[in-house]
Amino acid sequence: MGISGNETRAIFEKLKEIKKKNITSSVKTKEFVDLFKKKILPRHPPVLAEWFRRMFCEPSRWFTARQKYIHTTAVISMVGYVVGLGDRHAENIMFDMKTGETVHVDFDCLFEKGETFDWPEKVPFRLTHNMVHAFGVTGIEGMFRLSCIATMKVMRNEKESLVSVLQAFVHDPLVEWAKQERRSSNLDRGRQSVRNDATTIMKDKAQRIMKTIEDKLKGQMGKHSYANLPISPSGQVDKLISDATSQENLSQMYIGWTPYY
């Protein structure tokens, strides 16, 4: 039983009211979680597992399709985390109806851009209760966790090669970021001055982005690491899965991201 358009708007208004309240962040989080658990999740039971059963009727096809779904979800989750891929709402994740693999689209929101939204993204990748239920009885354990760890190990072992490739991608959208910075700063000191400012902004932005990516590939997770020391791939994956499935984080996602699907 889903939520109608009017109900969605009513819930979103309630979320905005909570966000505007002059209360401590811990109290806000509790109110977000209560609304998410009591009003939203009960109306959206997991259905993806049933879709797999109907699309892949033969046991062998169903098993193979589910394996590919789990593997591809694990890989894109880890890769997406490293490059800061956001905006993973339901319309940006598709399924191959022949193989069961996940297919992601719209890669405009990269390099932690989601954290700058009016409703900052709280999760490292999409891993809602609907997706986890479709993994089967082991849920996030077993195949999914092992695939995540294997993917993270490969990326960390090939860190130098990956960073060199990402350098080109990092510099591609920086002109747009520089324009945004110029508008926000109201720079008006002549074309040459603006050009110099833009160059400085681009260099600083690139350095910050590459530092963030390199830290992730070293196993450094900022406040989640003791004294910012690197942690093992399994420890890193454990923290990421915990953040992605946390109801505290999901309840504070923008309603259009559909954290309940």
C-alpha atoms as a PDB file:
ATOM      1  CA  MET A   1       0.000   0.000   0.000  1.00  0.00           C
ATOM      2  CA  GLY A   2       1.763   3.137  -1.223  1.00  0.00           C
ATOM      3  CA  ILE A   3       1.434   6.789  -0.383  1.00  0.00           C
ATOM      4  CA  SER A   4      -0.828   9.015  -2.470  1.00  0.00           C
ATOM      5  CA  GLY A   5       0.302  12.368  -3.831  1.00  0.00           C
ATOM      6  CA  ASN A   6      -1.538  14.279  -1.111  1.00  0.00           C
ATOM      7  CA  GLU A   7      -0.084  12.063   1.609  1.00  0.00           C
ATOM      8  CA  THR A   8       3.409  12.508   0.185  1.00  0.00           C
ATOM      9  CA  ARG A   9       3.057  16.281   0.265  1.00  0.00           C
ATOM     10  CA  ALA A  10       1.688  16.156   3.816  1.00  0.00           C
ATOM     11  CA  ILE A  11       4.617  14.018   4.991  1.00  0.00           C
ATOM     12  CA  PHE A  12       7.114  16.264   3.209  1.00  0.00           C
ATOM     13  CA  GLU A  13       5.601  19.316   4.909  1.00  0.00           C
ATOM     14  CA  LYS A  14       5.926  17.531   8.231  1.00  0.00           C
ATOM     15  CA  LEU A  15       9.585  16.788   7.486  1.00  0.00           C
ATOM     16  CA  LYS A  16      10.193  20.445   6.646  1.00  0.00           C
ATOM     17  CA  GLU A  17       8.535  21.490   9.892  1.00  0.00           C
ATOM     18  CA  ILE A  18      10.853  19.211  11.857  1.00  0.00           C
ATOM     19  CA  LYS A  19      13.862  20.551   9.962  1.00  0.00           C
ATOM     20  CA  LYS A  20      12.952  24.162  10.816  1.00  0.00           C
ATOM     21  CA  LYS A  21      12.362  23.531  14.509  1.00  0.00           C
ATOM     22  CA  ASN A  22      14.689  25.280  16.928  1.00  0.00           C
ATOM     23  CA  ILE A  23      15.649  22.086  18.750  1.00  0.00           C
ATOM     24  CA  THR A  24      18.806  20.073  19.192  1.00  0.00           C
ATOM     25  CA  SER A  25      19.968  17.858  16.327  1.00  0.00           C
ATOM     26  CA  SER A  26      19.487  14.710  18.418  1.00  0.00           C
ATOM     27  CA  VAL A  27      15.832  15.573  19.065  1.00  0.00           C
ATOM     28  CA  LYS A  28      15.326  16.381  15.375  1.00  0.00           C
ATOM     29  CA  THR A  29      16.836  13.047  14.402  1.00  0.00           C
ATOM     30  CA  LYS A  30      14.520  11.212  16.785  1.00  0.00           C
ATOM     31  CA  GLU A  31      11.478  12.940  15.264  1.00  0.00           C
ATOM     32  CA  PHE A  32      12.678  12.118  11.736  1.00  0.00           C
ATOM     33  CA  VAL A  33      13.162   8.456  12.661  1.00  0.00           C
ATOM     34  CA  ASP A  34       9.770   8.197  14.401  1.00  0.00           C
ATOM     35  CA  LEU A  35       7.978   9.589  11.343  1.00  0.00           C
ATOM     36  CA  PHE A  36       9.956   7.331   9.023  1.00  0.00           C
ATOM     37  CA  LYS A  37       9.309   4.156  11.064  1.00  0.00           C
ATOM     38  CA  LYS A  38       5.690   4.762  12.020  1.00  0.00           C
ATOM     39  CA  LYS A  39       4.210   6.615   9.052  1.00  0.00           C
ATOM     40  CA  ILE A  40       6.291   5.853   5.973  1.00  0.00           C
ATOM     41  CA  LEU A  41       7.866   2.382   6.131  1.00  0.00           C
ATOM     42  CA  PRO A  42       4.656   0.517   7.135  1.00  0.00           C
ATOM     43  CA  ARG A  43       3.004   1.730   3.930  1.00  0.00           C
ATOM     44  CA  HIS A  44       5.890   0.516   1.754  1.00  0.00           C
ATOM     45  CA  PRO A  45       6.663  -3.168   2.348  1.00  0.00           C
ATOM     46  CA  PRO A  46       9.544  -4.602   0.279  1.00  0.00           C
ATOM     47  CA  VAL A  47       8.449  -5.800  -3.174  1.00  0.00           C
ATOM     48  CA  LEU A  48      11.660  -6.197  -5.179  1.00  0.00           C
ATOM     49  CA  ALA A  49      12.139  -9.826  -4.188  1.00  0.00           C
ATOM     50  CA  GLU A  50       8.690 -10.631  -5.598  1.00  0.00           C
ATOM     51  CA  TRP A  51       9.632  -8.893  -8.857  1.00  0.00           C
ATOM     52  CA  PHE A  52      12.610 -11.224  -9.199  1.00  0.00           C
ATOM     53  CA  ARG A  53      10.413 -14.267  -8.583  1.00  0.00           C
ATOM     54  CA  ARG A  54       7.957 -13.181 -11.259  1.00  0.00           C
ATOM     55  CA  MET A  55      10.544 -12.112 -13.836  1.00  0.00           C
ATOM     56  CA  PHE A  56      12.732 -15.206 -13.425  1.00  0.00           C
ATOM     57  CA  CYS A  57      10.304 -18.059 -12.872  1.00  0.00           C
ATOM     58  CA  GLU A  58      12.738 -20.951 -13.304  1.00  0.00           C
ATOM     59  CA  PRO A  59      14.773 -21.634 -10.135  1.00  0.00           C
ATOM     60  CA  SER A  60      18.135 -21.621 -11.920  1.00  0.00           C
ATOM     61  CA  ARG A  61      17.378 -18.333 -13.740  1.00  0.00           C
ATOM     62  CA  TRP A  62      16.113 -16.755 -10.538  1.00  0.00           C
ATOM     63  CA  PHE A  63      19.230 -17.788  -8.620  1.00  0.00           C
ATOM     64  CA  THR A  64      21.578 -16.499 -11.335  1.00  0.00           C
ATOM     65  CA  ALA A  65      19.667 -13.230 -11.681  1.00  0.00           C
ATOM     66  CA  ARG A  66      19.734 -12.621  -7.952  1.00  0.00           C
ATOM     67  CA  GLN A  67      23.477 -13.313  -7.836  1.00  0.00           C
ATOM     68  CA  LYS A  68      24.089 -10.758 -10.587  1.00  0.00           C
ATOM     69  CA  TYR A  69      21.834  -8.258  -8.831  1.00  0.00           C
ATOM     70  CA  ILE A  70      23.808  -8.630  -5.602  1.00  0.00           C
ATOM     71  CA  HIS A  71      27.215  -8.476  -7.294  1.00  0.00           C
ATOM     72  CA  THR A  72      26.437  -5.428  -9.443  1.00  0.00           C
ATOM     73  CA  THR A  73      24.833  -3.621  -6.504  1.00  0.00           C
ATOM     74  CA  ALA A  74      27.934  -4.253  -4.392  1.00  0.00           C
ATOM     75  CA  VAL A  75      30.331  -3.057  -7.091  1.00  0.00           C
ATOM     76  CA  ILE A  76      28.478   0.172  -7.934  1.00  0.00           C
ATOM     77  CA  SER A  77      27.997   0.891  -4.234  1.00  0.00           C
ATOM     78  CA  MET A  78      31.735   0.750  -3.528  1.00  0.00           C
ATOM     79  CA  VAL A  79      32.780   2.558  -6.712  1.00  0.00           C
ATOM     80  CA  GLY A  80      30.076   5.169  -6.182  1.00  0.00           C
ATOM     81  CA  TYR A  81      31.281   5.774  -2.637  1.00  0.00           C
ATOM     82  CA  VAL A  82      34.870   6.352  -3.771  1.00  0.00           C
ATOM     83  CA  VAL A  83      33.931   8.879  -6.488  1.00  0.00           C
ATOM     84  CA  GLY A  84      31.261  10.535  -4.343  1.00  0.00           C
ATOM     85  CA  LEU A  85      28.330   9.537  -6.570  1.00  0.00           C
ATOM     86  CA  GLY A  86      25.029  10.863  -5.264  1.00  0.00           C
ATOM     87  CA  ASP A  87      21.423  11.416  -6.362  1.00  0.00           C
ATOM     88  CA  ARG A  88      20.764   7.659  -6.407  1.00  0.00           C
ATOM     89  CA  HIS A  89      16.990   7.968  -6.287  1.00  0.00           C
ATOM     90  CA  ALA A  90      14.795   5.184  -7.669  1.00  0.00           C
ATOM     91  CA  GLU A  91      14.655   6.586 -11.224  1.00  0.00           C
ATOM     92  CA  ASN A  92      18.435   6.573 -11.542  1.00  0.00           C
ATOM     93  CA  ILE A  93      18.764   2.844 -10.858  1.00  0.00           C
ATOM     94  CA  MET A  94      17.368   0.416 -13.411  1.00  0.00           C
ATOM     95  CA  PHE A  95      17.358  -3.355 -13.808  1.00  0.00           C
ATOM     96  CA  ASP A  96      18.275  -5.502 -16.777  1.00  0.00           C
ATOM     97  CA  MET A  97      15.148  -7.600 -17.301  1.00  0.00           C
ATOM     98  CA  LYS A  98      17.185 -10.389 -18.908  1.00  0.00           C
ATOM     99  CA  THR A  99      20.018 -10.698 -16.386  1.00  0.00           C
ATOM    100  CA  GLY A 100      18.816  -8.994 -13.187  1.00  0.00           C
ATOM    101  CA  GLU A 101      21.847  -6.698 -13.097  1.00  0.00           C
ATOM    102  CA  THR A 102      21.524  -3.152 -11.778  1.00  0.00           C
ATOM    103  CA  VAL A 103      22.137  -0.394 -14.324  1.00  0.00           C
ATOM    104  CA  HIS A 104      22.814   3.122 -13.046  1.00  0.00           C
ATOM    105  CA  VAL A 105      22.168   6.292 -15.058  1.00  0.00           C
ATOM    106  CA  ASP A 106      22.732  10.034 -14.586  1.00  0.00           C
ATOM    107  CA  PHE A 107      26.242  10.523 -13.243  1.00  0.00           C
ATOM    108  CA  ASP A 108      26.055  14.293 -12.935  1.00  0.00           C
ATOM    109  CA  CYS A 109      26.142  14.247  -9.128  1.00  0.00           C
ATOM    110  CA  LEU A 110      29.781  13.331  -8.457  1.00  0.00           C
ATOM    111  CA  PHE A 111      32.496  14.210  -5.953  1.00  0.00           C
ATOM    112  CA  GLU A 112      30.209  14.626  -2.906  1.00  0.00           C
ATOM    113  CA  LYS A 113      27.941  17.113  -4.708  1.00  0.00           C
ATOM    114  CA  GLY A 114      24.967  15.525  -2.931  1.00  0.00           C
ATOM    115  CA  GLU A 115      26.230  16.882   0.381  1.00  0.00           C
ATOM    116  CA  THR A 116      25.665  20.439  -0.888  1.00  0.00           C
ATOM    117  CA  PHE A 117      21.932  20.004  -1.619  1.00  0.00           C
ATOM    118  CA  ASP A 118      19.272  21.846   0.375  1.00  0.00           C
ATOM    119  CA  TRP A 119      18.563  18.413   1.870  1.00  0.00           C
ATOM    120  CA  PRO A 120      22.138  17.093   2.158  1.00  0.00           C
ATOM    121  CA  GLU A 121      22.497  13.411   1.355  1.00  0.00           C
ATOM    122  CA  LYS A 122      23.309  11.365   4.434  1.00  0.00           C
ATOM    123  CA  VAL A 123      24.033   7.928   2.962  1.00  0.00           C
ATOM    124  CA  PRO A 124      27.119   6.799   0.995  1.00  0.00           C
ATOM    125  CA  PHE A 125      24.995   4.832  -1.509  1.00  0.00           C
ATOM    126  CA  ARG A 126      21.467   3.510  -1.942  1.00  0.00           C
ATOM    127  CA  LEU A 127      20.733   0.441   0.185  1.00  0.00           C
ATOM    128  CA  THR A 128      17.104   0.643   1.277  1.00  0.00           C
ATOM    129  CA  HIS A 129      15.078  -2.080   3.012  1.00  0.00           C
ATOM    130  CA  ASN A 130      13.506  -2.994  -0.344  1.00  0.00           C
ATOM    131  CA  MET A 131      16.918  -3.630  -1.906  1.00  0.00           C
ATOM    132  CA  VAL A 132      18.237  -5.570   1.082  1.00  0.00           C
ATOM    133  CA  HIS A 133      15.137  -7.794   1.216  1.00  0.00           C
ATOM    134  CA  ALA A 134      15.776  -8.824  -2.388  1.00  0.00           C
ATOM    135  CA  PHE A 135      19.245 -10.107  -1.397  1.00  0.00           C
ATOM    136  CA  GLY A 136      17.552 -13.105   0.223  1.00  0.00           C
ATOM    137  CA  VAL A 137      17.705 -14.569   3.712  1.00  0.00           C
ATOM    138  CA  THR A 138      21.306 -13.468   4.315  1.00  0.00           C
ATOM    139  CA  GLY A 139      20.472  -9.825   3.596  1.00  0.00           C
ATOM    140  CA  ILE A 140      23.585  -7.640   3.759  1.00  0.00           C
ATOM    141  CA  GLU A 141      25.672 -10.562   4.980  1.00  0.00           C
ATOM    142  CA  GLY A 142      27.109 -13.293   2.817  1.00  0.00           C
ATOM    143  CA  MET A 143      27.401 -12.538  -0.889  1.00  0.00           C
ATOM    144  CA  PHE A 144      26.753  -8.798  -0.713  1.00  0.00           C
ATOM    145  CA  ARG A 145      29.269  -8.039   2.030  1.00  0.00           C
ATOM    146  CA  LEU A 146      31.926 -10.300   0.494  1.00  0.00           C
ATOM    147  CA  SER A 147      31.440  -8.672  -2.914  1.00  0.00           C
ATOM    148  CA  CYS A 148      31.785  -5.219  -1.358  1.00  0.00           C
ATOM    149  CA  ILE A 149      34.992  -6.204   0.418  1.00  0.00           C
ATOM    150  CA  ALA A 150      36.446  -7.761  -2.742  1.00  0.00           C
ATOM    151  CA  THR A 151      35.628  -4.627  -4.747  1.00  0.00           C
ATOM    152  CA  MET A 152      37.166  -2.349  -2.126  1.00  0.00           C
ATOM    153  CA  LYS A 153      40.321  -4.485  -1.978  1.00  0.00           C
ATOM    154  CA  VAL A 154      40.745  -4.305  -5.754  1.00  0.00           C
ATOM    155  CA  MET A 155      40.353  -0.512  -5.784  1.00  0.00           C
ATOM    156  CA  ARG A 156      42.738  -0.046  -2.882  1.00  0.00           C
ATOM    157  CA  ASN A 157      45.331  -2.358  -4.443  1.00  0.00           C
ATOM    158  CA  GLU A 158      45.087  -0.449  -7.729  1.00  0.00           C
ATOM    159  CA  LYS A 159      44.928   2.956  -6.058  1.00  0.00           C
ATOM    160  CA  GLU A 160      47.612   4.621  -8.189  1.00  0.00           C
ATOM    161  CA  SER A 161      46.031   3.575 -11.481  1.00  0.00           C
ATOM    162  CA  LEU A 162      42.551   4.564 -10.337  1.00  0.00           C
ATOM    163  CA  VAL A 163      43.649   7.979  -9.097  1.00  0.00           C
ATOM    164  CA  SER A 164      45.456   8.741 -12.350  1.00  0.00           C
ATOM    165  CA  VAL A 165      42.320   7.946 -14.348  1.00  0.00           C
ATOM    166  CA  LEU A 166      40.093   9.979 -12.035  1.00  0.00           C
ATOM    167  CA  GLN A 167      42.296  13.056 -12.424  1.00  0.00           C
ATOM    168  CA  ALA A 168      40.781  13.669 -15.871  1.00  0.00           C
ATOM    169  CA  PHE A 169      37.217  13.275 -14.599  1.00  0.00           C
ATOM    170  CA  VAL A 170      37.831  15.584 -11.669  1.00  0.00           C
ATOM    171  CA  HIS A 171      38.899  18.447 -13.915  1.00  0.00           C
ATOM    172  CA  ASP A 172      36.003  18.109 -16.348  1.00  0.00           C
ATOM    173  CA  PRO A 173      33.211  19.888 -14.408  1.00  0.00           C
ATOM    174  CA  LEU A 174      35.401  22.414 -12.627  1.00  0.00           C
ATOM    175  CA  VAL A 175      34.544  25.284 -14.949  1.00  0.00           C
ATOM    176  CA  GLU A 176      30.921  24.994 -13.836  1.00  0.00           C
ATOM    177  CA  TRP A 177      32.009  24.999 -10.187  1.00  0.00           C
ATOM    178  CA  ALA A 178      34.189  28.068 -10.824  1.00  0.00           C
ATOM    179  CA  LYS A 179      31.236  29.900 -12.358  1.00  0.00           C
ATOM    180  CA  GLN A 180      29.145  29.084  -9.321  1.00  0.00           C
ATOM    181  CA  GLU A 181      31.896  30.328  -7.023  1.00  0.00           C
ATOM    182  CA  ARG A 182      32.187  33.580  -8.991  1.00  0.00           C
ATOM    183  CA  ARG A 183      28.458  34.188  -8.800  1.00  0.00           C
ATOM    184  CA  SER A 184      28.347  33.517  -5.068  1.00  0.00           C
ATOM    185  CA  SER A 185      31.338  35.776  -4.449  1.00  0.00           C
ATOM    186  CA  ASN A 186      29.997  38.576  -6.699  1.00  0.00           C
ATOM    187  CA  LEU A 187      33.419  39.061  -8.243  1.00  0.00           C
ATOM    188  CA  ASP A 188      33.572  42.175 -10.387  1.00  0.00           C
ATOM    189  CA  ARG A 189      37.179  43.174 -10.822  1.00  0.00           C
ATOM    190  CA  GLY A 190      37.662  42.833 -14.565  1.00  0.00           C
ATOM    191  CA  ARG A 191      37.981  39.829 -16.831  1.00  0.00           C
ATOM    192  CA  GLN A 192      41.599  39.044 -16.052  1.00  0.00           C
ATOM    193  CA  SER A 193      40.963  39.159 -12.310  1.00  0.00           C
ATOM    194  CA  VAL A 194      37.948  36.875 -12.651  1.00  0.00           C
ATOM    195  CA  ARG A 195      39.953  34.484 -14.813  1.00  0.00           C
ATOM    196  CA  ASN A 196      42.711  34.304 -12.216  1.00  0.00           C
ATOM    197  CA  ASP A 197      40.192  33.742  -9.434  1.00  0.00           C
ATOM    198  CA  ALA A 198      38.558  30.969 -11.448  1.00  0.00           C
ATOM    199  CA  THR A 199      41.907  29.257 -11.971  1.00  0.00           C
ATOM    200  CA  THR A 200      42.670  29.384  -8.249  1.00  0.00           C
ATOM    201  CA  ILE A 201      39.216  28.046  -7.416  1.00  0.00           C
ATOM    202  CA  MET A 202      39.621  25.174  -9.870  1.00  0.00           C
ATOM    203  CA  LYS A 203      43.001  24.167  -8.485  1.00  0.00           C
ATOM    204  CA  ASP A 204      41.779  24.277  -4.879  1.00  0.00           C
ATOM    205  CA  LYS A 205      38.651  22.311  -5.767  1.00  0.00           C
ATOM    206  CA  ALA A 206      40.619  19.660  -7.621  1.00  0.00           C
ATOM    207  CA  GLN A 207      43.056  19.246  -4.748  1.00  0.00           C
ATOM    208  CA  ARG A 208      40.270  18.827  -2.203  1.00  0.00           C
ATOM    209  CA  ILE A 209      38.433  16.297  -4.353  1.00  0.00           C
ATOM    210  CA  MET A 210      41.513  14.208  -5.084  1.00  0.00           C
ATOM    211  CA  LYS A 211      42.528  14.300  -1.408  1.00  0.00           C
ATOM    212  CA  THR A 212      39.088  12.960  -0.449  1.00  0.00           C
ATOM    213  CA  ILE A 213      39.280  10.168  -3.030  1.00  0.00           C
ATOM    214  CA  GLU A 214      42.815   9.205  -2.017  1.00  0.00           C
ATOM    215  CA  ASP A 215      41.834   9.114   1.653  1.00  0.00           C
ATOM    216  CA  LYS A 216      38.970   6.755   0.866  1.00  0.00           C
ATOM    217  CA  LEU A 217      41.313   4.493  -1.074  1.00  0.00           C
ATOM    218  CA  LYS A 218      43.659   4.437   1.921  1.00  0.00           C
ATOM    219  CA  GLY A 219      40.853   3.404   4.255  1.00  0.00           C
ATOM    220  CA  GLN A 220      40.711   6.760   6.009  1.00  0.00           C
ATOM    221  CA  MET A 221      37.174   7.793   6.880  1.00  0.00           C
ATOM    222  CA  GLY A 222      37.714  11.048   8.765  1.00  0.00           C
ATOM    223  CA  LYS A 223      35.669  11.155  11.961  1.00  0.00           C
ATOM    224  CA  HIS A 224      34.930   7.428  11.594  1.00  0.00           C
ATOM    225  CA  SER A 225      38.615   6.498  11.868  1.00  0.00           C
ATOM    226  CA  TYR A 226      40.482   6.586  15.165  1.00  0.00           C
ATOM    227  CA  ALA A 227      42.926   9.494  14.844  1.00  0.00           C
ATOM    228  CA  ASN A 228      42.202   9.249  11.092  1.00  0.00           C
ATOM    229  CA  LEU A 229      44.176   6.021  10.886  1.00  0.00           C
ATOM    230  CA  PRO A 230      43.410   3.724   7.927  1.00  0.00           C
ATOM    231  CA  ILE A 231      41.098   0.805   8.556  1.00  0.00           C
ATOM    232  CA  SER A 232      40.891  -2.533   6.776  1.00  0.00           C
ATOM    233  CA  PRO A 233      38.656  -3.039   3.716  1.00  0.00           C
ATOM    234  CA  SER A 234      36.274  -5.178   5.787  1.00  0.00           C
ATOM    235  CA  GLY A 235      36.095  -2.511   8.489  1.00  0.00           C
ATOM    236  CA  GLN A 236      35.517   0.188   5.884  1.00  0.00           C
ATOM    237  CA  VAL A 237      32.748  -1.818   4.241  1.00  0.00           C
ATOM    238  CA  ASP A 238      31.142  -2.508   7.595  1.00  0.00           C
ATOM    239  CA  LYS A 239      30.936   1.209   8.380  1.00  0.00           C
ATOM    240  CA  LEU A 240      29.601   2.055   4.913  1.00  0.00           C
ATOM    241  CA  ILE A 241      26.851  -0.560   5.055  1.00  0.00           C
ATOM    242  CA  SER A 242      25.908   0.629   8.522  1.00  0.00           C
ATOM    243  CA  ASP A 243      25.616   4.234   7.301  1.00  0.00           C
ATOM    244  CA  ALA A 244      23.687   3.250   4.164  1.00  0.00           C
ATOM    245  CA  THR A 245      21.071   1.221   6.059  1.00  0.00           C
ATOM    246  CA  SER A 246      20.795   3.500   9.092  1.00  0.00           C
ATOM    247  CA  GLN A 247      17.222   4.649   9.657  1.00  0.00           C
ATOM    248  CA  GLU A 248      18.609   7.825  11.180  1.00  0.00           C
ATOM    249  CA  ASN A 249      20.265   8.635   7.850  1.00  0.00           C
ATOM    250  CA  LEU A 250      17.481   7.378   5.589  1.00  0.00           C
ATOM    251  CA  SER A 251      14.806   9.278   7.495  1.00  0.00           C
ATOM    252  CA  GLN A 252      16.633  12.547   6.775  1.00  0.00           C
ATOM    253  CA  MET A 253      16.904  12.006   3.028  1.00  0.00           C
ATOM    254  CA  TYR A 254      14.851  14.162   0.679  1.00  0.00           C
ATOM    255  CA  ILE A 255      11.411  12.621   0.101  1.00  0.00           C
ATOM    256  CA  GLY A 256      11.988  12.615  -3.682  1.00  0.00           C
ATOM    257  CA  TRP A 257      14.944  10.268  -3.135  1.00  0.00           C
ATOM    258  CA  THR A 258      12.314   7.749  -1.964  1.00  0.00           C
ATOM    259  CA  PRO A 259      14.256   6.238   0.963  1.00  0.00           C
ATOM    260  CA  TYR A 260      11.234   4.032   1.646  1.00  0.00           C
ATOM    261  CA  TYR A 261      11.509   2.093  -1.676  1.00  0.00           C
END
